[in-house]
Amino acid sequence: MWEAYWIAFQNLLSGNHQLSEESFVFHPELKALQEFALQLVPIQPSITDDSFLLIPGHKLSPEGIPSPLLIERLQLALSVLERDSAITVICTGGQPQNGTTEAKVMGNWLESKGISSSRILLEEQSKNTIQNALCSVALLPYRVKTLITVSTDNHIHRFSTLVQRATQHAGIETKVYPLSPTLAQDKYLERPDNNELVSIALDLYRLGGRPAFSCGPLNMD
Protein backbone atom coordinates (compact mmCIF):
# COMPACT_ATOMS: atom_id res chain seq x y z
CA MET A 1 0.00 0.00 0.00
CA TRP A 2 2.72 2.48 0.95
CA GLU A 3 4.73 1.70 -2.17
CA ALA A 4 1.70 2.37 -4.35
CA TYR A 5 1.07 5.62 -2.51
CA TRP A 6 4.59 6.94 -3.01
CA ILE A 7 4.65 5.97 -6.68
CA ALA A 8 1.35 7.77 -7.26
CA PHE A 9 2.55 10.94 -5.64
CA GLN A 10 5.94 10.88 -7.31
CA ASN A 11 4.07 10.76 -10.59
CA LEU A 12 1.87 13.65 -9.51
CA LEU A 13 4.84 15.75 -8.45
CA SER A 14 6.55 15.11 -11.75
CA GLY A 15 3.47 16.40 -13.55
CA ASN A 16 2.93 13.15 -15.43
CA HIS A 17 -0.50 12.38 -13.99
CA GLN A 18 -3.62 14.22 -12.97
CA LEU A 19 -4.94 13.86 -9.44
CA SER A 20 -7.76 11.31 -9.45
CA GLU A 21 -10.07 9.63 -6.99
CA GLU A 22 -7.78 6.59 -7.02
CA SER A 23 -4.88 8.71 -5.77
CA PHE A 24 -6.64 9.20 -2.45
CA VAL A 25 -7.34 5.59 -1.53
CA PHE A 26 -3.76 4.83 -0.53
CA HIS A 27 -3.98 6.53 2.84
CA PRO A 28 -6.89 7.84 4.95
CA GLU A 29 -5.17 11.21 5.50
CA LEU A 30 -5.43 11.94 1.80
CA LYS A 31 -9.09 10.98 1.68
CA ALA A 32 -9.73 13.22 4.68
CA LEU A 33 -7.88 16.05 2.95
CA GLN A 34 -10.03 15.71 -0.15
CA GLU A 35 -13.24 15.68 1.87
CA PHE A 36 -12.15 18.71 3.90
CA ALA A 37 -11.20 20.66 0.79
CA LEU A 38 -14.58 20.01 -0.76
CA GLN A 39 -16.52 21.29 2.28
CA LEU A 40 -15.02 24.78 2.39
CA VAL A 41 -18.37 26.51 2.18
CA PRO A 42 -19.91 29.30 4.29
CA ILE A 43 -20.82 27.80 7.68
CA GLN A 44 -21.87 29.76 10.77
CA PRO A 45 -20.15 28.18 13.78
CA SER A 46 -21.84 27.73 17.15
CA ILE A 47 -20.01 30.11 19.50
CA THR A 48 -19.57 29.18 23.18
CA ASP A 49 -17.22 30.22 25.99
CA ASP A 50 -14.88 27.48 24.75
CA SER A 51 -14.49 28.95 21.26
CA PHE A 52 -11.13 29.99 19.84
CA LEU A 53 -9.99 31.82 16.72
CA LEU A 54 -6.57 31.28 15.14
CA ILE A 55 -4.77 33.86 12.96
CA PRO A 56 -1.53 32.81 11.21
CA GLY A 57 1.16 35.43 10.84
CA HIS A 58 2.77 36.76 7.70
CA LYS A 59 6.21 38.19 7.11
CA LEU A 60 6.69 41.65 8.64
CA SER A 61 8.60 44.47 7.00
CA PRO A 62 12.18 45.09 8.23
CA GLU A 63 10.69 47.84 10.42
CA GLY A 64 8.25 45.38 11.99
CA ILE A 65 5.19 46.68 10.13
CA PRO A 66 2.44 44.19 9.19
CA SER A 67 1.95 43.49 5.49
CA PRO A 68 -1.33 44.34 3.69
CA LEU A 69 -2.06 40.61 3.58
CA LEU A 70 -1.67 40.31 7.35
CA ILE A 71 -3.87 43.36 7.87
CA GLU A 72 -6.52 41.68 5.72
CA ARG A 73 -6.44 38.63 8.01
CA LEU A 74 -6.60 40.82 11.10
CA GLN A 75 -9.54 42.85 9.83
CA LEU A 76 -11.49 39.69 9.13
CA ALA A 77 -10.66 38.31 12.57
CA LEU A 78 -11.65 41.62 14.17
CA SER A 79 -15.11 41.45 12.61
CA VAL A 80 -15.64 38.08 14.31
CA LEU A 81 -14.16 39.12 17.66
CA GLU A 82 -16.30 42.27 17.80
CA ARG A 83 -19.43 40.25 17.08
CA ASP A 84 -18.78 37.44 19.57
CA SER A 85 -17.17 38.45 22.87
CA ALA A 86 -16.90 34.82 24.02
CA ILE A 87 -14.14 34.04 21.52
CA THR A 88 -10.47 33.91 22.53
CA VAL A 89 -7.96 34.63 19.75
CA ILE A 90 -4.55 33.03 19.26
CA CYS A 91 -2.11 35.09 17.19
CA THR A 92 0.54 32.74 15.85
CA GLY A 93 3.86 33.70 14.28
CA GLY A 94 7.39 33.80 15.67
CA GLN A 95 9.40 35.35 12.86
CA PRO A 96 10.85 38.57 14.33
CA GLN A 97 11.58 41.85 12.61
CA ASN A 98 12.95 44.92 14.39
CA GLY A 99 12.77 43.13 17.73
CA THR A 100 9.14 42.05 17.57
CA THR A 101 7.32 38.94 16.36
CA GLU A 102 4.38 38.59 14.02
CA ALA A 103 2.23 37.40 16.94
CA LYS A 104 3.12 40.43 19.05
CA VAL A 105 2.38 42.82 16.19
CA MET A 106 -0.99 41.13 15.61
CA GLY A 107 -1.85 41.26 19.30
CA ASN A 108 -0.97 44.95 19.49
CA TRP A 109 -3.06 45.67 16.39
CA LEU A 110 -6.11 43.94 17.86
CA GLU A 111 -5.69 45.75 21.18
CA SER A 112 -5.51 49.06 19.32
CA LYS A 113 -8.91 48.20 17.82
CA GLY A 114 -10.49 47.59 21.21
CA ILE A 115 -9.99 43.87 21.79
CA SER A 116 -9.08 43.19 25.43
CA SER A 117 -5.65 41.69 26.07
CA SER A 118 -7.40 39.08 28.25
CA ARG A 119 -8.87 37.61 25.05
CA ILE A 120 -5.54 37.45 23.19
CA LEU A 121 -2.99 34.64 23.38
CA LEU A 122 0.37 34.98 21.64
CA GLU A 123 2.21 32.04 20.08
CA GLU A 124 5.71 33.33 19.28
CA GLN A 125 7.69 30.16 18.53
CA SER A 126 6.44 29.05 15.09
CA LYS A 127 8.39 29.74 11.91
CA ASN A 128 6.06 28.33 9.23
CA THR A 129 2.47 27.27 8.62
CA ILE A 130 2.98 23.73 9.94
CA GLN A 131 4.38 25.10 13.18
CA ASN A 132 1.61 27.73 13.28
CA ALA A 133 -0.86 24.85 13.47
CA LEU A 134 1.05 22.68 15.93
CA CYS A 135 2.08 25.43 18.33
CA SER A 136 -1.35 27.07 18.34
CA VAL A 137 -3.13 23.82 19.05
CA ALA A 138 -0.71 23.21 21.93
CA LEU A 139 -2.22 26.29 23.62
CA LEU A 140 -5.79 25.03 23.37
CA PRO A 141 -7.66 23.51 26.32
CA TYR A 142 -9.04 20.02 25.73
CA ARG A 143 -12.57 21.33 26.28
CA VAL A 144 -12.50 23.57 23.18
CA LYS A 145 -15.52 22.84 20.98
CA THR A 146 -15.32 25.45 18.23
CA LEU A 147 -12.18 26.52 16.42
CA ILE A 148 -12.27 29.23 13.75
CA THR A 149 -9.31 29.54 11.39
CA VAL A 150 -8.90 32.90 9.69
CA SER A 151 -6.71 33.48 6.64
CA THR A 152 -6.76 34.69 3.06
CA ASP A 153 -8.43 32.73 0.26
CA ASN A 154 -5.15 31.36 -1.10
CA HIS A 155 -3.99 30.13 2.34
CA ILE A 156 -7.12 29.00 4.14
CA HIS A 157 -7.15 25.47 2.67
CA ARG A 158 -3.63 24.75 3.89
CA PHE A 159 -3.94 26.35 7.31
CA SER A 160 -7.35 24.89 8.16
CA THR A 161 -6.43 21.37 7.08
CA LEU A 162 -3.22 21.44 9.12
CA VAL A 163 -5.04 22.80 12.19
CA GLN A 164 -7.70 20.10 11.89
CA ARG A 165 -5.04 17.39 11.74
CA ALA A 166 -3.05 18.98 14.60
CA THR A 167 -6.11 18.85 16.87
CA GLN A 168 -6.55 15.18 16.03
CA HIS A 169 -2.91 14.47 16.87
CA ALA A 170 -3.39 16.29 20.19
CA GLY A 171 -6.51 14.30 21.03
CA ILE A 172 -8.75 17.38 20.95
CA GLU A 173 -12.22 16.70 19.59
CA THR A 174 -13.28 19.93 17.95
CA LYS A 175 -14.74 21.29 14.75
CA VAL A 176 -12.66 23.61 12.58
CA TYR A 177 -14.54 26.38 10.77
CA PRO A 178 -12.48 28.06 8.02
CA LEU A 179 -13.04 31.76 7.39
CA SER A 180 -11.61 33.77 4.51
CA PRO A 181 -12.73 36.95 2.70
CA THR A 182 -14.72 34.90 0.20
CA LEU A 183 -16.33 32.69 2.85
CA ALA A 184 -17.17 35.79 4.91
CA GLN A 185 -19.31 36.98 1.98
CA ASP A 186 -21.31 33.73 2.10
CA LYS A 187 -19.73 32.56 -1.13
CA TYR A 188 -18.26 29.18 -1.93
CA LEU A 189 -14.49 28.89 -1.98
CA GLU A 190 -13.01 27.19 -5.00
CA ARG A 191 -11.56 23.73 -4.48
CA PRO A 192 -7.73 23.72 -4.34
CA ASP A 193 -6.08 22.78 -7.58
CA ASN A 194 -4.16 19.52 -7.90
CA ASN A 195 -0.76 21.02 -7.11
CA GLU A 196 -2.10 22.65 -3.95
CA LEU A 197 -3.69 19.40 -2.78
CA VAL A 198 -0.40 17.57 -3.24
CA SER A 199 1.46 20.31 -1.39
CA ILE A 200 -0.98 20.19 1.53
CA ALA A 201 -0.75 16.40 1.62
CA LEU A 202 3.03 16.63 1.97
CA ASP A 203 2.63 19.16 4.77
CA LEU A 204 0.28 16.77 6.56
CA TYR A 205 3.01 14.13 6.56
CA ARG A 206 5.58 16.59 7.85
CA LEU A 207 3.15 17.69 10.57
CA GLY A 208 3.06 14.09 11.72
CA GLY A 209 6.86 14.01 11.91
CA ARG A 210 7.21 11.81 8.85
CA PRO A 211 9.48 12.55 5.89
CA ALA A 212 7.84 13.86 2.76
CA PHE A 213 10.12 13.03 -0.18
CA SER A 214 13.13 15.37 0.00
CA CYS A 215 11.68 17.26 2.97
CA GLY A 216 12.84 15.89 6.29
CA PRO A 217 10.59 15.53 9.32
CA LEU A 218 9.66 18.78 10.98
CA ASN A 219 12.22 19.77 13.63
CA MET A 220 10.51 21.61 16.48
CA ASP A 221 13.78 22.37 18.32
C-alpha atoms as a PDB file:
ATOM      1  CA  MET A   1       0.000   0.000   0.000  1.00  0.00           C
ATOM      2  CA  TRP A   2       2.717   2.480   0.951  1.00  0.00           C
ATOM      3  CA  GLU A   3       4.730   1.697  -2.168  1.00  0.00           C
ATOM      4  CA  ALA A   4       1.703   2.366  -4.353  1.00  0.00           C
ATOM      5  CA  TYR A   5       1.066   5.621  -2.512  1.00  0.00           C
ATOM      6  CA  TRP A   6       4.591   6.940  -3.008  1.00  0.00           C
ATOM      7  CA  ILE A   7       4.648   5.966  -6.679  1.00  0.00           C
ATOM      8  CA  ALA A   8       1.352   7.766  -7.259  1.00  0.00           C
ATOM      9  CA  PHE A   9       2.550  10.944  -5.638  1.00  0.00           C
ATOM     10  CA  GLN A  10       5.944  10.879  -7.307  1.00  0.00           C
ATOM     11  CA  ASN A  11       4.070  10.757 -10.594  1.00  0.00           C
ATOM     12  CA  LEU A  12       1.871  13.650  -9.506  1.00  0.00           C
ATOM     13  CA  LEU A  13       4.843  15.747  -8.452  1.00  0.00           C
ATOM     14  CA  SER A  14       6.550  15.109 -11.754  1.00  0.00           C
ATOM     15  CA  GLY A  15       3.466  16.400 -13.550  1.00  0.00           C
ATOM     16  CA  ASN A  16       2.931  13.154 -15.429  1.00  0.00           C
ATOM     17  CA  HIS A  17      -0.497  12.378 -13.992  1.00  0.00           C
ATOM     18  CA  GLN A  18      -3.617  14.218 -12.966  1.00  0.00           C
ATOM     19  CA  LEU A  19      -4.945  13.857  -9.439  1.00  0.00           C
ATOM     20  CA  SER A  20      -7.759  11.310  -9.448  1.00  0.00           C
ATOM     21  CA  GLU A  21     -10.070   9.629  -6.990  1.00  0.00           C
ATOM     22  CA  GLU A  22      -7.781   6.595  -7.024  1.00  0.00           C
ATOM     23  CA  SER A  23      -4.882   8.711  -5.772  1.00  0.00           C
ATOM     24  CA  PHE A  24      -6.636   9.204  -2.450  1.00  0.00           C
ATOM     25  CA  VAL A  25      -7.343   5.595  -1.534  1.00  0.00           C
ATOM     26  CA  PHE A  26      -3.763   4.828  -0.529  1.00  0.00           C
ATOM     27  CA  HIS A  27      -3.977   6.534   2.844  1.00  0.00           C
ATOM     28  CA  PRO A  28      -6.887   7.838   4.946  1.00  0.00           C
ATOM     29  CA  GLU A  29      -5.169  11.214   5.502  1.00  0.00           C
ATOM     30  CA  LEU A  30      -5.428  11.936   1.795  1.00  0.00           C
ATOM     31  CA  LYS A  31      -9.088  10.984   1.678  1.00  0.00           C
ATOM     32  CA  ALA A  32      -9.728  13.221   4.685  1.00  0.00           C
ATOM     33  CA  LEU A  33      -7.878  16.049   2.949  1.00  0.00           C
ATOM     34  CA  GLN A  34     -10.027  15.713  -0.147  1.00  0.00           C
ATOM     35  CA  GLU A  35     -13.239  15.675   1.867  1.00  0.00           C
ATOM     36  CA  PHE A  36     -12.150  18.706   3.904  1.00  0.00           C
ATOM     37  CA  ALA A  37     -11.195  20.664   0.793  1.00  0.00           C
ATOM     38  CA  LEU A  38     -14.580  20.008  -0.763  1.00  0.00           C
ATOM     39  CA  GLN A  39     -16.519  21.288   2.279  1.00  0.00           C
ATOM     40  CA  LEU A  40     -15.021  24.784   2.392  1.00  0.00           C
ATOM     41  CA  VAL A  41     -18.372  26.510   2.179  1.00  0.00           C
ATOM     42  CA  PRO A  42     -19.905  29.298   4.294  1.00  0.00           C
ATOM     43  CA  ILE A  43     -20.817  27.804   7.681  1.00  0.00           C
ATOM     44  CA  GLN A  44     -21.869  29.756  10.767  1.00  0.00           C
ATOM     45  CA  PRO A  45     -20.148  28.180  13.785  1.00  0.00           C
ATOM     46  CA  SER A  46     -21.837  27.727  17.146  1.00  0.00           C
ATOM     47  CA  ILE A  47     -20.015  30.107  19.503  1.00  0.00           C
ATOM     48  CA  THR A  48     -19.573  29.183  23.181  1.00  0.00           C
ATOM     49  CA  ASP A  49     -17.218  30.225  25.992  1.00  0.00           C
ATOM     50  CA  ASP A  50     -14.878  27.482  24.755  1.00  0.00           C
ATOM     51  CA  SER A  51     -14.495  28.955  21.260  1.00  0.00           C
ATOM     52  CA  PHE A  52     -11.125  29.994  19.840  1.00  0.00           C
ATOM     53  CA  LEU A  53      -9.993  31.819  16.717  1.00  0.00           C
ATOM     54  CA  LEU A  54      -6.565  31.282  15.136  1.00  0.00           C
ATOM     55  CA  ILE A  55      -4.775  33.857  12.962  1.00  0.00           C
ATOM     56  CA  PRO A  56      -1.533  32.809  11.212  1.00  0.00           C
ATOM     57  CA  GLY A  57       1.156  35.430  10.844  1.00  0.00           C
ATOM     58  CA  HIS A  58       2.773  36.760   7.700  1.00  0.00           C
ATOM     59  CA  LYS A  59       6.214  38.189   7.114  1.00  0.00           C
ATOM     60  CA  LEU A  60       6.693  41.649   8.636  1.00  0.00           C
ATOM     61  CA  SER A  61       8.601  44.472   7.000  1.00  0.00           C
ATOM     62  CA  PRO A  62      12.179  45.087   8.233  1.00  0.00           C
ATOM     63  CA  GLU A  63      10.694  47.844  10.417  1.00  0.00           C
ATOM     64  CA  GLY A  64       8.248  45.379  11.995  1.00  0.00           C
ATOM     65  CA  ILE A  65       5.194  46.683  10.125  1.00  0.00           C
ATOM     66  CA  PRO A  66       2.441  44.194   9.187  1.00  0.00           C
ATOM     67  CA  SER A  67       1.947  43.493   5.491  1.00  0.00           C
ATOM     68  CA  PRO A  68      -1.330  44.343   3.688  1.00  0.00           C
ATOM     69  CA  LEU A  69      -2.056  40.609   3.580  1.00  0.00           C
ATOM     70  CA  LEU A  70      -1.668  40.305   7.352  1.00  0.00           C
ATOM     71  CA  ILE A  71      -3.867  43.363   7.872  1.00  0.00           C
ATOM     72  CA  GLU A  72      -6.518  41.680   5.724  1.00  0.00           C
ATOM     73  CA  ARG A  73      -6.436  38.632   8.007  1.00  0.00           C
ATOM     74  CA  LEU A  74      -6.598  40.820  11.102  1.00  0.00           C
ATOM     75  CA  GLN A  75      -9.545  42.854   9.832  1.00  0.00           C
ATOM     76  CA  LEU A  76     -11.492  39.693   9.127  1.00  0.00           C
ATOM     77  CA  ALA A  77     -10.660  38.307  12.574  1.00  0.00           C
ATOM     78  CA  LEU A  78     -11.647  41.617  14.174  1.00  0.00           C
ATOM     79  CA  SER A  79     -15.108  41.446  12.606  1.00  0.00           C
ATOM     80  CA  VAL A  80     -15.641  38.084  14.313  1.00  0.00           C
ATOM     81  CA  LEU A  81     -14.161  39.122  17.664  1.00  0.00           C
ATOM     82  CA  GLU A  82     -16.299  42.269  17.798  1.00  0.00           C
ATOM     83  CA  ARG A  83     -19.433  40.250  17.079  1.00  0.00           C
ATOM     84  CA  ASP A  84     -18.779  37.437  19.574  1.00  0.00           C
ATOM     85  CA  SER A  85     -17.169  38.450  22.874  1.00  0.00           C
ATOM     86  CA  ALA A  86     -16.902  34.819  24.023  1.00  0.00           C
ATOM     87  CA  ILE A  87     -14.140  34.044  21.524  1.00  0.00           C
ATOM     88  CA  THR A  88     -10.472  33.908  22.533  1.00  0.00           C
ATOM     89  CA  VAL A  89      -7.959  34.627  19.754  1.00  0.00           C
ATOM     90  CA  ILE A  90      -4.548  33.033  19.260  1.00  0.00           C
ATOM     91  CA  CYS A  91      -2.108  35.094  17.194  1.00  0.00           C
ATOM     92  CA  THR A  92       0.540  32.743  15.847  1.00  0.00           C
ATOM     93  CA  GLY A  93       3.860  33.698  14.283  1.00  0.00           C
ATOM     94  CA  GLY A  94       7.391  33.805  15.667  1.00  0.00           C
ATOM     95  CA  GLN A  95       9.405  35.351  12.856  1.00  0.00           C
ATOM     96  CA  PRO A  96      10.848  38.571  14.333  1.00  0.00           C
ATOM     97  CA  GLN A  97      11.579  41.852  12.615  1.00  0.00           C
ATOM     98  CA  ASN A  98      12.955  44.921  14.385  1.00  0.00           C
ATOM     99  CA  GLY A  99      12.774  43.134  17.735  1.00  0.00           C
ATOM    100  CA  THR A 100       9.140  42.055  17.569  1.00  0.00           C
ATOM    101  CA  THR A 101       7.323  38.935  16.359  1.00  0.00           C
ATOM    102  CA  GLU A 102       4.376  38.586  14.019  1.00  0.00           C
ATOM    103  CA  ALA A 103       2.233  37.397  16.944  1.00  0.00           C
ATOM    104  CA  LYS A 104       3.117  40.435  19.046  1.00  0.00           C
ATOM    105  CA  VAL A 105       2.378  42.818  16.188  1.00  0.00           C
ATOM    106  CA  MET A 106      -0.987  41.126  15.608  1.00  0.00           C
ATOM    107  CA  GLY A 107      -1.851  41.261  19.301  1.00  0.00           C
ATOM    108  CA  ASN A 108      -0.966  44.949  19.494  1.00  0.00           C
ATOM    109  CA  TRP A 109      -3.060  45.669  16.392  1.00  0.00           C
ATOM    110  CA  LEU A 110      -6.105  43.940  17.864  1.00  0.00           C
ATOM    111  CA  GLU A 111      -5.686  45.752  21.178  1.00  0.00           C
ATOM    112  CA  SER A 112      -5.510  49.063  19.319  1.00  0.00           C
ATOM    113  CA  LYS A 113      -8.909  48.202  17.816  1.00  0.00           C
ATOM    114  CA  GLY A 114     -10.487  47.592  21.213  1.00  0.00           C
ATOM    115  CA  ILE A 115      -9.989  43.868  21.786  1.00  0.00           C
ATOM    116  CA  SER A 116      -9.080  43.195  25.426  1.00  0.00           C
ATOM    117  CA  SER A 117      -5.651  41.691  26.070  1.00  0.00           C
ATOM    118  CA  SER A 118      -7.402  39.077  28.247  1.00  0.00           C
ATOM    119  CA  ARG A 119      -8.873  37.610  25.049  1.00  0.00           C
ATOM    120  CA  ILE A 120      -5.544  37.454  23.194  1.00  0.00           C
ATOM    121  CA  LEU A 121      -2.986  34.642  23.382  1.00  0.00           C
ATOM    122  CA  LEU A 122       0.372  34.979  21.640  1.00  0.00           C
ATOM    123  CA  GLU A 123       2.210  32.036  20.078  1.00  0.00           C
ATOM    124  CA  GLU A 124       5.711  33.327  19.283  1.00  0.00           C
ATOM    125  CA  GLN A 125       7.691  30.158  18.528  1.00  0.00           C
ATOM    126  CA  SER A 126       6.444  29.050  15.095  1.00  0.00           C
ATOM    127  CA  LYS A 127       8.393  29.743  11.914  1.00  0.00           C
ATOM    128  CA  ASN A 128       6.060  28.329   9.227  1.00  0.00           C
ATOM    129  CA  THR A 129       2.466  27.268   8.624  1.00  0.00           C
ATOM    130  CA  ILE A 130       2.984  23.734   9.944  1.00  0.00           C
ATOM    131  CA  GLN A 131       4.380  25.102  13.181  1.00  0.00           C
ATOM    132  CA  ASN A 132       1.611  27.733  13.283  1.00  0.00           C
ATOM    133  CA  ALA A 133      -0.865  24.855  13.469  1.00  0.00           C
ATOM    134  CA  LEU A 134       1.047  22.676  15.928  1.00  0.00           C
ATOM    135  CA  CYS A 135       2.082  25.426  18.329  1.00  0.00           C
ATOM    136  CA  SER A 136      -1.345  27.070  18.343  1.00  0.00           C
ATOM    137  CA  VAL A 137      -3.134  23.818  19.046  1.00  0.00           C
ATOM    138  CA  ALA A 138      -0.712  23.207  21.927  1.00  0.00           C
ATOM    139  CA  LEU A 139      -2.215  26.285  23.623  1.00  0.00           C
ATOM    140  CA  LEU A 140      -5.793  25.027  23.371  1.00  0.00           C
ATOM    141  CA  PRO A 141      -7.657  23.511  26.319  1.00  0.00           C
ATOM    142  CA  TYR A 142      -9.036  20.021  25.733  1.00  0.00           C
ATOM    143  CA  ARG A 143     -12.566  21.327  26.276  1.00  0.00           C
ATOM    144  CA  VAL A 144     -12.503  23.572  23.181  1.00  0.00           C
ATOM    145  CA  LYS A 145     -15.515  22.840  20.980  1.00  0.00           C
ATOM    146  CA  THR A 146     -15.323  25.445  18.233  1.00  0.00           C
ATOM    147  CA  LEU A 147     -12.178  26.521  16.416  1.00  0.00           C
ATOM    148  CA  ILE A 148     -12.269  29.226  13.745  1.00  0.00           C
ATOM    149  CA  THR A 149      -9.308  29.537  11.393  1.00  0.00           C
ATOM    150  CA  VAL A 150      -8.898  32.897   9.685  1.00  0.00           C
ATOM    151  CA  SER A 151      -6.711  33.478   6.642  1.00  0.00           C
ATOM    152  CA  THR A 152      -6.756  34.693   3.064  1.00  0.00           C
ATOM    153  CA  ASP A 153      -8.432  32.728   0.263  1.00  0.00           C
ATOM    154  CA  ASN A 154      -5.150  31.362  -1.097  1.00  0.00           C
ATOM    155  CA  HIS A 155      -3.990  30.131   2.340  1.00  0.00           C
ATOM    156  CA  ILE A 156      -7.125  29.000   4.139  1.00  0.00           C
ATOM    157  CA  HIS A 157      -7.150  25.467   2.668  1.00  0.00           C
ATOM    158  CA  ARG A 158      -3.633  24.750   3.887  1.00  0.00           C
ATOM    159  CA  PHE A 159      -3.941  26.355   7.314  1.00  0.00           C
ATOM    160  CA  SER A 160      -7.349  24.891   8.162  1.00  0.00           C
ATOM    161  CA  THR A 161      -6.432  21.375   7.075  1.00  0.00           C
ATOM    162  CA  LEU A 162      -3.218  21.444   9.115  1.00  0.00           C
ATOM    163  CA  VAL A 163      -5.036  22.801  12.186  1.00  0.00           C
ATOM    164  CA  GLN A 164      -7.701  20.102  11.890  1.00  0.00           C
ATOM    165  CA  ARG A 165      -5.044  17.394  11.743  1.00  0.00           C
ATOM    166  CA  ALA A 166      -3.055  18.975  14.605  1.00  0.00           C
ATOM    167  CA  THR A 167      -6.113  18.847  16.870  1.00  0.00           C
ATOM    168  CA  GLN A 168      -6.549  15.178  16.030  1.00  0.00           C
ATOM    169  CA  HIS A 169      -2.911  14.469  16.868  1.00  0.00           C
ATOM    170  CA  ALA A 170      -3.393  16.293  20.190  1.00  0.00           C
ATOM    171  CA  GLY A 171      -6.512  14.303  21.030  1.00  0.00           C
ATOM    172  CA  ILE A 172      -8.750  17.380  20.953  1.00  0.00           C
ATOM    173  CA  GLU A 173     -12.221  16.702  19.587  1.00  0.00           C
ATOM    174  CA  THR A 174     -13.281  19.934  17.949  1.00  0.00           C
ATOM    175  CA  LYS A 175     -14.744  21.290  14.753  1.00  0.00           C
ATOM    176  CA  VAL A 176     -12.658  23.609  12.580  1.00  0.00           C
ATOM    177  CA  TYR A 177     -14.543  26.380  10.775  1.00  0.00           C
ATOM    178  CA  PRO A 178     -12.478  28.061   8.019  1.00  0.00           C
ATOM    179  CA  LEU A 179     -13.045  31.756   7.391  1.00  0.00           C
ATOM    180  CA  SER A 180     -11.609  33.773   4.511  1.00  0.00           C
ATOM    181  CA  PRO A 181     -12.727  36.948   2.703  1.00  0.00           C
ATOM    182  CA  THR A 182     -14.723  34.899   0.198  1.00  0.00           C
ATOM    183  CA  LEU A 183     -16.332  32.691   2.849  1.00  0.00           C
ATOM    184  CA  ALA A 184     -17.170  35.787   4.907  1.00  0.00           C
ATOM    185  CA  GLN A 185     -19.308  36.979   1.983  1.00  0.00           C
ATOM    186  CA  ASP A 186     -21.311  33.728   2.097  1.00  0.00           C
ATOM    187  CA  LYS A 187     -19.725  32.563  -1.129  1.00  0.00           C
ATOM    188  CA  TYR A 188     -18.260  29.181  -1.929  1.00  0.00           C
ATOM    189  CA  LEU A 189     -14.488  28.895  -1.978  1.00  0.00           C
ATOM    190  CA  GLU A 190     -13.007  27.188  -5.004  1.00  0.00           C
ATOM    191  CA  ARG A 191     -11.558  23.732  -4.476  1.00  0.00           C
ATOM    192  CA  PRO A 192      -7.735  23.724  -4.336  1.00  0.00           C
ATOM    193  CA  ASP A 193      -6.079  22.778  -7.584  1.00  0.00           C
ATOM    194  CA  ASN A 194      -4.162  19.517  -7.898  1.00  0.00           C
ATOM    195  CA  ASN A 195      -0.761  21.021  -7.111  1.00  0.00           C
ATOM    196  CA  GLU A 196      -2.095  22.655  -3.953  1.00  0.00           C
ATOM    197  CA  LEU A 197      -3.689  19.400  -2.778  1.00  0.00           C
ATOM    198  CA  VAL A 198      -0.404  17.566  -3.240  1.00  0.00           C
ATOM    199  CA  SER A 199       1.463  20.312  -1.391  1.00  0.00           C
ATOM    200  CA  ILE A 200      -0.977  20.190   1.535  1.00  0.00           C
ATOM    201  CA  ALA A 201      -0.748  16.403   1.621  1.00  0.00           C
ATOM    202  CA  LEU A 202       3.028  16.629   1.973  1.00  0.00           C
ATOM    203  CA  ASP A 203       2.630  19.162   4.774  1.00  0.00           C
ATOM    204  CA  LEU A 204       0.284  16.765   6.560  1.00  0.00           C
ATOM    205  CA  TYR A 205       3.006  14.134   6.561  1.00  0.00           C
ATOM    206  CA  ARG A 206       5.582  16.594   7.851  1.00  0.00           C
ATOM    207  CA  LEU A 207       3.154  17.687  10.565  1.00  0.00           C
ATOM    208  CA  GLY A 208       3.058  14.086  11.722  1.00  0.00           C
ATOM    209  CA  GLY A 209       6.859  14.012  11.910  1.00  0.00           C
ATOM    210  CA  ARG A 210       7.211  11.807   8.849  1.00  0.00           C
ATOM    211  CA  PRO A 211       9.484  12.548   5.890  1.00  0.00           C
ATOM    212  CA  ALA A 212       7.841  13.864   2.758  1.00  0.00           C
ATOM    213  CA  PHE A 213      10.119  13.028  -0.179  1.00  0.00           C
ATOM    214  CA  SER A 214      13.135  15.374   0.001  1.00  0.00           C
ATOM    215  CA  CYS A 215      11.684  17.261   2.965  1.00  0.00           C
ATOM    216  CA  GLY A 216      12.844  15.886   6.288  1.00  0.00           C
ATOM    217  CA  PRO A 217      10.588  15.527   9.316  1.00  0.00           C
ATOM    218  CA  LEU A 218       9.660  18.777  10.980  1.00  0.00           C
ATOM    219  CA  ASN A 219      12.215  19.766  13.634  1.00  0.00           C
ATOM    220  CA  MET A 220      10.505  21.609  16.482  1.00  0.00           C
ATOM    221  CA  ASP A 221      13.781  22.368  18.323  1.00  0.00           C
END
